[in-house]
Amino acid sequence: MEHLEVTILDKELTLACEASEKDKLLAAVKQANDLMTMIKQSSKMSNERVAYMACIQLASQLLSAESTEGPFQGVAYGDYKAKVDHINALLDEGINRLK
């Protein structure tokens, strides 16, 4: 396990990750810091509110991301997740009826 010192919105943080994940983690830190800095510069929000706004925006981007290959090519993660959640709910309902 490797420990990394990073800075997000002028706040020092220590993060731990596997050596093989270091580049990915540093890229994620950069993306989060860039987004939070942009939000902070465009408003007078507290850092806590900036973090909430950035989290919501990143989650929205994740849910909108589409698969680029395989059987789910062109399907957004959020759509796929919603369908799987719906199927799971139907299965749970069916199992509960059988009990």
Protein backbone atom coordinates (compact mmCIF):
# COMPACT_ATOMS: atom_id res chain seq x y z
CA MET A 1 0.00 0.00 0.00
CA GLU A 2 1.34 3.40 -0.99
CA HIS A 3 0.49 6.69 0.75
CA LEU A 4 0.10 9.84 -1.34
CA GLU A 5 -0.03 13.44 -0.19
CA VAL A 6 -2.48 15.41 -2.35
CA THR A 7 -4.10 18.84 -2.22
CA ILE A 8 -7.74 19.56 -3.05
CA LEU A 9 -8.97 23.15 -2.67
CA ASP A 10 -5.84 24.02 -0.69
CA LYS A 11 -6.51 21.21 1.79
CA GLU A 12 -3.79 18.61 2.30
CA LEU A 13 -4.97 14.99 2.31
CA THR A 14 -3.19 11.67 2.70
CA LEU A 15 -4.61 8.89 0.54
CA ALA A 16 -3.65 5.23 0.37
CA CYS A 17 -3.75 3.07 -2.73
CA GLU A 18 -2.08 0.14 -4.41
CA ALA A 19 0.96 1.12 -6.46
CA SER A 20 -0.81 -0.07 -9.61
CA GLU A 21 -3.69 2.37 -8.95
CA LYS A 22 -1.53 5.45 -8.25
CA ASP A 23 -1.86 7.06 -11.70
CA LYS A 24 -5.63 6.55 -11.74
CA LEU A 25 -6.00 8.01 -8.25
CA LEU A 26 -3.87 11.04 -9.10
CA ALA A 27 -5.94 11.63 -12.24
CA ALA A 28 -9.13 11.43 -10.14
CA VAL A 29 -7.70 13.90 -7.61
CA LYS A 30 -6.81 16.30 -10.44
CA GLN A 31 -10.29 16.03 -11.96
CA ALA A 32 -11.97 16.58 -8.57
CA ASN A 33 -9.70 19.52 -7.72
CA ASP A 34 -10.20 21.14 -11.15
CA LEU A 35 -13.99 20.81 -10.88
CA MET A 36 -14.10 22.07 -7.29
CA THR A 37 -11.83 25.00 -8.14
CA MET A 38 -14.08 25.95 -11.07
CA ILE A 39 -17.19 25.79 -8.87
CA LYS A 40 -15.49 27.76 -6.08
CA GLN A 41 -14.36 30.51 -8.50
CA SER A 42 -17.85 30.95 -9.92
CA SER A 43 -19.56 31.42 -6.56
CA LYS A 44 -19.04 32.34 -2.94
CA MET A 45 -19.97 28.90 -1.59
CA SER A 46 -18.33 27.27 1.39
CA ASN A 47 -15.89 24.46 0.63
CA GLU A 48 -18.43 22.00 2.02
CA ARG A 49 -21.10 23.16 -0.43
CA VAL A 50 -18.55 23.13 -3.26
CA ALA A 51 -17.78 19.51 -2.39
CA TYR A 52 -21.49 18.61 -2.50
CA MET A 53 -21.94 20.31 -5.86
CA ALA A 54 -18.85 18.60 -7.31
CA CYS A 55 -20.00 15.23 -5.99
CA ILE A 56 -23.41 15.65 -7.62
CA GLN A 57 -21.86 16.73 -10.92
CA LEU A 58 -19.39 13.80 -10.96
CA ALA A 59 -22.18 11.34 -10.10
CA SER A 60 -24.28 12.78 -12.93
CA GLN A 61 -21.36 12.36 -15.33
CA LEU A 62 -20.92 8.75 -14.19
CA LEU A 63 -24.60 7.94 -14.67
CA SER A 64 -24.51 9.51 -18.15
CA ALA A 65 -21.34 7.68 -19.23
CA GLU A 66 -22.00 5.21 -22.01
CA SER A 67 -20.33 1.88 -22.60
CA THR A 68 -18.12 2.01 -25.68
CA GLU A 69 -17.94 -1.71 -26.39
CA GLY A 70 -19.54 -5.05 -25.76
CA PRO A 71 -23.23 -5.93 -25.55
CA PHE A 72 -24.03 -2.68 -23.71
CA GLN A 73 -22.37 -0.40 -26.26
CA GLY A 74 -24.13 2.97 -26.32
CA VAL A 75 -26.08 2.29 -23.12
CA ALA A 76 -25.59 4.82 -20.32
CA TYR A 77 -24.56 3.38 -16.97
CA GLY A 78 -27.51 5.09 -15.25
CA ASP A 79 -29.99 3.48 -17.67
CA TYR A 80 -28.37 0.07 -17.20
CA LYS A 81 -28.37 0.47 -13.41
CA ALA A 82 -32.03 1.57 -13.38
CA LYS A 83 -33.03 -1.52 -15.40
CA VAL A 84 -31.05 -3.87 -13.16
CA ASP A 85 -32.56 -2.24 -10.05
CA HIS A 86 -36.05 -2.66 -11.54
CA ILE A 87 -35.41 -6.34 -12.32
CA ASN A 88 -34.08 -6.88 -8.78
CA ALA A 89 -37.20 -5.25 -7.33
CA LEU A 90 -39.42 -7.53 -9.43
CA LEU A 91 -37.44 -10.58 -8.31
CA ASP A 92 -37.67 -9.51 -4.65
CA GLU A 93 -41.41 -9.01 -5.02
CA GLY A 94 -41.79 -12.47 -6.58
CA ILE A 95 -39.73 -14.11 -3.85
CA ASN A 96 -41.73 -12.34 -1.15
CA ARG A 97 -44.99 -13.63 -2.70
CA LEU A 98 -43.64 -17.18 -2.59
CA LYS A 99 -42.80 -16.95 1.12
